[in-house]
């Protein structure tokens, strides 16, 4: 190869490597521009039970952040979307959320208390061979009642009112959903906080080392069991590489970059 083309090729390769190092991968999955008509594709409001009033969702700018405002009054509905994310390249989920206040009477240990001012829901498809006969039978029954959207497994990151940060426990209704408390009580209420979770690691802690594929993301504020009122905000959902930060320099909101430690029952 002549010297000049070889030099150009080396320069191009160098620039490509620099770009790769300087700009880690980010897979944005949830931005909600204020003033938009409707939700960005493929987000949809999912009312799980027509007998229960749906939580109200609206895009708004909230303390400088383009976000979703969720208002729950004796209500429950999800705002969700399907996902196709490469967890090997971008294993960490980052987002912003806030609540006006935690719920008062909720108790995640009971069905009657299974409500949260804010929750982020991840659904998974598990390889059939990794599910026992009993689990497959329970899932088939659940899908006959609630539809094919019932996942093989799910993680719920929640803003609770009483359990300590780091608590990991089965949902009161089904052990196919595991609850992880990221915030608890009113200490962080009233402002935006940022979260960062290693999704694959959380799934492994919750369900063991079984093959699974992340299939969906949803957010919610729900108070159908307790009958309370709650208001929450959600923004800036993205999957990032292990090396990338979760900062959001475009907004004027104050950020809390600390990930709560896991110190609950596992």
Protein backbone atom coordinates (compact mmCIF):
# COMPACT_ATOMS: atom_id res chain seq x y z
CA UNK A 1 0.00 0.00 0.00
CA UNK A 2 1.42 3.43 -0.93
CA UNK A 3 2.46 5.65 1.94
CA UNK A 4 -0.29 8.29 1.52
CA UNK A 5 -3.29 5.88 1.49
CA UNK A 6 -1.74 3.97 4.37
CA UNK A 7 -1.47 7.18 6.38
CA UNK A 8 -5.11 8.04 5.62
CA UNK A 9 -6.20 4.55 6.67
CA UNK A 10 -4.26 4.83 9.95
CA UNK A 11 -5.77 8.26 10.66
CA UNK A 12 -9.31 6.96 9.99
CA UNK A 13 -8.76 3.97 12.29
CA UNK A 14 -7.38 6.24 14.98
CA UNK A 15 -10.41 8.52 14.79
CA UNK A 16 -12.76 5.55 14.95
CA UNK A 17 -11.03 4.21 18.05
CA UNK A 18 -11.06 7.65 19.67
CA UNK A 19 -14.78 8.00 19.02
CA UNK A 20 -15.46 4.58 20.50
CA UNK A 21 -13.51 5.38 23.66
CA UNK A 22 -14.80 8.94 24.00
CA UNK A 23 -18.48 8.23 23.49
CA UNK A 24 -19.67 5.11 25.31
CA UNK A 25 -22.81 3.39 24.10
CA UNK A 26 -26.15 4.77 25.24
CA UNK A 27 -29.48 3.24 24.28
CA UNK A 28 -32.21 5.80 25.01
CA UNK A 29 -35.54 4.10 25.63
CA UNK A 30 -37.62 6.78 27.35
CA UNK A 31 -37.62 10.50 26.56
CA UNK A 32 -40.86 12.42 26.93
CA UNK A 33 -40.85 15.86 25.29
CA UNK A 34 -43.25 18.29 26.94
CA UNK A 35 -46.08 19.52 24.74
CA UNK A 36 -46.06 16.45 22.50
CA UNK A 37 -49.41 15.14 21.32
CA UNK A 38 -49.57 11.56 22.51
CA UNK A 39 -46.75 9.33 23.66
CA UNK A 40 -43.58 8.66 21.66
CA UNK A 41 -43.64 5.30 19.94
CA UNK A 42 -43.80 2.59 21.14
CA UNK A 43 -45.01 3.81 24.59
CA UNK A 44 -48.60 2.95 25.52
CA UNK A 45 -50.83 3.27 28.60
CA UNK A 46 -51.79 -0.26 29.68
CA UNK A 47 -54.88 -0.59 31.85
CA UNK A 48 -54.56 -3.99 33.50
CA UNK A 49 -58.04 -4.19 34.99
CA UNK A 50 -60.98 -2.31 33.46
CA UNK A 51 -62.73 -2.37 36.83
CA UNK A 52 -59.99 -0.15 38.27
CA UNK A 53 -59.65 3.50 37.26
CA UNK A 54 -56.42 4.14 35.31
CA UNK A 55 -53.61 6.26 36.66
CA UNK A 56 -53.35 9.53 34.71
CA UNK A 57 -50.14 10.20 32.78
CA UNK A 58 -49.14 13.44 31.08
CA UNK A 59 -45.90 14.85 29.61
CA UNK A 60 -44.65 18.02 31.27
CA UNK A 61 -41.53 20.01 32.05
CA UNK A 62 -40.92 19.62 35.77
CA UNK A 63 -38.13 21.62 37.42
CA UNK A 64 -36.32 21.81 34.10
CA UNK A 65 -36.76 18.13 33.21
CA UNK A 66 -38.91 16.87 30.33
CA UNK A 67 -40.80 14.13 32.12
CA UNK A 68 -43.91 12.05 32.66
CA UNK A 69 -46.20 13.16 35.47
CA UNK A 70 -48.20 10.29 37.00
CA UNK A 71 -51.21 10.98 39.22
CA UNK A 72 -52.86 8.04 40.97
CA UNK A 73 -56.16 8.30 42.83
CA UNK A 74 -57.45 4.86 43.80
CA UNK A 75 -56.06 3.84 40.44
CA UNK A 76 -53.59 1.67 38.55
CA UNK A 77 -52.28 1.58 35.00
CA UNK A 78 -48.84 1.19 33.45
CA UNK A 79 -47.13 3.39 30.91
CA UNK A 80 -44.94 0.90 29.09
CA UNK A 81 -43.14 -0.20 25.98
CA UNK A 82 -41.44 -3.32 24.54
CA UNK A 83 -37.66 -3.48 24.64
CA UNK A 84 -34.89 -4.95 22.54
CA UNK A 85 -31.73 -4.08 24.45
CA UNK A 86 -28.29 -5.67 24.33
CA UNK A 87 -27.52 -6.09 28.03
CA UNK A 88 -23.98 -7.19 27.24
CA UNK A 89 -23.19 -3.83 25.63
CA UNK A 90 -25.42 -1.62 27.81
CA UNK A 91 -26.18 -3.51 31.03
CA UNK A 92 -27.03 -0.56 33.28
CA UNK A 93 -30.43 1.15 33.35
CA UNK A 94 -30.46 4.83 34.34
CA UNK A 95 -33.45 7.05 34.95
CA UNK A 96 -34.77 9.98 36.97
CA UNK A 97 -37.78 9.85 39.24
CA UNK A 98 -39.46 11.75 42.03
CA UNK A 99 -42.47 11.57 44.33
CA UNK A 100 -44.34 14.25 46.22
CA UNK A 101 -44.52 11.89 49.19
CA UNK A 102 -44.48 8.15 49.88
CA UNK A 103 -47.76 6.39 50.53
CA UNK A 104 -48.98 6.18 54.12
CA UNK A 105 -50.78 2.87 54.52
CA UNK A 106 -49.06 0.71 51.88
CA UNK A 107 -47.35 -2.50 52.95
CA UNK A 108 -45.55 -4.43 50.22
CA UNK A 109 -45.73 -7.63 52.29
CA UNK A 110 -49.51 -7.88 51.79
CA UNK A 111 -51.89 -7.87 48.83
CA UNK A 112 -53.98 -5.15 50.44
CA UNK A 113 -50.89 -2.96 50.74
CA UNK A 114 -49.30 -3.67 47.35
CA UNK A 115 -49.19 -0.01 46.21
CA UNK A 116 -46.32 2.36 45.47
CA UNK A 117 -45.98 6.06 44.86
CA UNK A 118 -43.53 5.17 42.08
CA UNK A 119 -42.36 1.95 40.49
CA UNK A 120 -40.31 0.93 37.46
CA UNK A 121 -41.16 -2.46 35.99
CA UNK A 122 -38.93 -4.69 33.84
CA UNK A 123 -40.34 -7.83 32.20
CA UNK A 124 -38.37 -10.85 31.00
CA UNK A 125 -38.79 -13.91 28.84
CA UNK A 126 -37.20 -16.98 30.41
CA UNK A 127 -36.06 -20.02 28.46
CA UNK A 128 -38.82 -22.69 28.75
CA UNK A 129 -36.39 -25.35 29.90
CA UNK A 130 -35.51 -23.15 32.89
CA UNK A 131 -39.13 -23.08 34.10
CA UNK A 132 -40.52 -26.00 36.07
CA UNK A 133 -43.86 -27.61 35.28
CA UNK A 134 -45.56 -25.90 38.21
CA UNK A 135 -44.31 -22.48 37.15
CA UNK A 136 -45.41 -23.01 33.56
CA UNK A 137 -48.87 -24.06 34.77
CA UNK A 138 -49.20 -20.95 36.97
CA UNK A 139 -48.12 -18.69 34.12
CA UNK A 140 -50.63 -20.33 31.77
CA UNK A 141 -53.41 -19.71 34.27
CA UNK A 142 -52.36 -16.10 34.80
CA UNK A 143 -52.31 -15.46 31.03
CA UNK A 144 -55.78 -16.96 30.67
CA UNK A 145 -57.01 -14.37 33.18
CA UNK A 146 -54.91 -11.32 32.36
CA UNK A 147 -53.69 -11.85 28.79
CA UNK A 148 -50.47 -12.78 27.05
CA UNK A 149 -48.68 -9.72 28.46
CA UNK A 150 -48.02 -11.60 31.72
CA UNK A 151 -44.21 -12.09 31.67
CA UNK A 152 -42.23 -15.15 32.67
CA UNK A 153 -40.46 -12.99 35.27
CA UNK A 154 -40.35 -9.35 36.30
CA UNK A 155 -38.36 -6.95 38.43
CA UNK A 156 -40.00 -3.98 40.15
CA UNK A 157 -37.85 -1.11 41.37
CA UNK A 158 -40.01 0.72 43.90
CA UNK A 159 -40.19 3.84 46.03
CA UNK A 160 -41.59 2.32 49.21
CA UNK A 161 -42.90 3.81 52.43
CA UNK A 162 -41.54 1.46 55.09
CA UNK A 163 -39.15 -1.29 53.92
CA UNK A 164 -35.42 -0.43 54.04
CA UNK A 165 -33.48 0.44 50.89
CA UNK A 166 -32.04 -2.72 49.37
CA UNK A 167 -34.96 -4.97 50.35
CA UNK A 168 -35.46 -7.74 47.79
CA UNK A 169 -38.62 -9.83 48.16
CA UNK A 170 -41.35 -11.54 46.12
CA UNK A 171 -44.41 -9.57 45.18
CA UNK A 172 -47.42 -10.19 47.43
CA UNK A 173 -49.39 -11.59 44.49
CA UNK A 174 -46.78 -13.67 42.66
CA UNK A 175 -43.26 -14.89 43.20
CA UNK A 176 -42.62 -14.38 39.47
CA UNK A 177 -42.24 -10.68 40.28
CA UNK A 178 -39.51 -9.56 42.65
CA UNK A 179 -39.56 -6.19 44.36
CA UNK A 180 -36.39 -4.17 44.97
CA UNK A 181 -36.64 -1.10 47.19
CA UNK A 182 -34.47 1.74 45.85
CA UNK A 183 -35.95 4.59 47.88
CA UNK A 184 -37.93 4.48 51.10
CA UNK A 185 -39.77 7.13 53.04
CA UNK A 186 -39.85 10.88 52.50
CA UNK A 187 -36.14 11.68 52.76
CA UNK A 188 -35.66 12.11 49.00
CA UNK A 189 -39.21 13.23 48.18
CA UNK A 190 -39.90 16.53 46.47
CA UNK A 191 -37.02 16.53 43.97
CA UNK A 192 -35.45 14.57 41.16
CA UNK A 193 -33.07 11.74 41.99
CA UNK A 194 -31.17 9.58 39.55
CA UNK A 195 -30.99 5.79 39.69
CA UNK A 196 -28.57 3.34 38.15
CA UNK A 197 -29.08 -0.43 38.21
CA UNK A 198 -27.15 -3.36 36.77
CA UNK A 199 -30.19 -5.15 35.35
CA UNK A 200 -28.55 -8.50 34.66
CA UNK A 201 -27.07 -8.60 38.16
CA UNK A 202 -30.40 -7.70 39.75
CA UNK A 203 -32.16 -10.42 37.76
CA UNK A 204 -29.58 -13.00 38.80
CA UNK A 205 -29.95 -12.04 42.48
CA UNK A 206 -33.72 -12.28 42.20
CA UNK A 207 -34.18 -15.42 40.09
CA UNK A 208 -30.83 -17.17 39.94
CA UNK A 209 -28.55 -17.86 37.01
CA UNK A 210 -31.17 -18.73 34.37
CA UNK A 211 -31.21 -17.65 30.71
CA UNK A 212 -33.57 -14.72 30.19
CA UNK A 213 -34.24 -11.90 27.76
CA UNK A 214 -35.37 -8.41 28.74
CA UNK A 215 -38.63 -7.71 26.87
CA UNK A 216 -40.32 -4.67 28.38
CA UNK A 217 -40.14 -1.52 30.48
CA UNK A 218 -43.00 0.21 32.28
CA UNK A 219 -43.49 2.89 34.91
CA UNK A 220 -46.38 3.42 37.28
CA UNK A 221 -47.85 5.12 40.27
CA UNK A 222 -50.57 2.92 41.74
CA UNK A 223 -52.94 3.25 44.67
CA UNK A 224 -55.83 0.93 43.80
CA UNK A 225 -55.39 -1.24 46.90
CA UNK A 226 -54.88 1.48 49.52
CA UNK A 227 -57.19 4.09 47.97
CA UNK A 228 -54.59 6.83 48.47
CA UNK A 229 -53.49 9.65 46.17
CA UNK A 230 -49.95 9.88 44.82
CA UNK A 231 -48.03 11.98 42.31
CA UNK A 232 -44.75 10.93 40.76
CA UNK A 233 -42.44 11.89 37.91
CA UNK A 234 -40.27 9.80 35.59
CA UNK A 235 -37.71 10.84 32.97
CA UNK A 236 -34.60 10.04 30.93
CA UNK A 237 -34.65 6.24 30.73
CA UNK A 238 -31.57 4.87 29.04
CA UNK A 239 -29.31 1.83 29.06
CA UNK A 240 -25.60 2.59 29.27
CA UNK A 241 -22.31 0.77 29.30
CA UNK A 242 -20.68 -0.04 32.61
CA UNK A 243 -18.19 2.81 32.05
CA UNK A 244 -20.68 5.56 31.23
CA UNK A 245 -22.08 7.92 33.84
CA UNK A 246 -25.77 8.53 34.50
CA UNK A 247 -25.46 12.30 34.61
CA UNK A 248 -27.93 14.42 32.65
CA UNK A 249 -26.15 17.68 31.84
CA UNK A 250 -28.96 19.07 29.65
CA UNK A 251 -31.35 19.73 32.53
CA UNK A 252 -31.16 22.22 35.36
CA UNK A 253 -32.36 19.83 38.05
CA UNK A 254 -30.10 18.85 40.90
CA UNK A 255 -28.82 15.29 40.59
CA UNK A 256 -28.15 12.64 43.20
CA UNK A 257 -25.57 10.33 41.63
CA UNK A 258 -25.41 7.84 44.46
CA UNK A 259 -26.84 4.36 43.92
CA UNK A 260 -28.45 3.06 47.14
CA UNK A 261 -26.58 0.09 48.58
CA UNK A 262 -28.15 -3.36 48.57
CA UNK A 263 -28.56 -4.30 52.19
CA UNK A 264 -31.88 -6.13 52.30
CA UNK A 265 -32.78 -9.77 52.40
CA UNK A 266 -31.53 -11.60 49.33
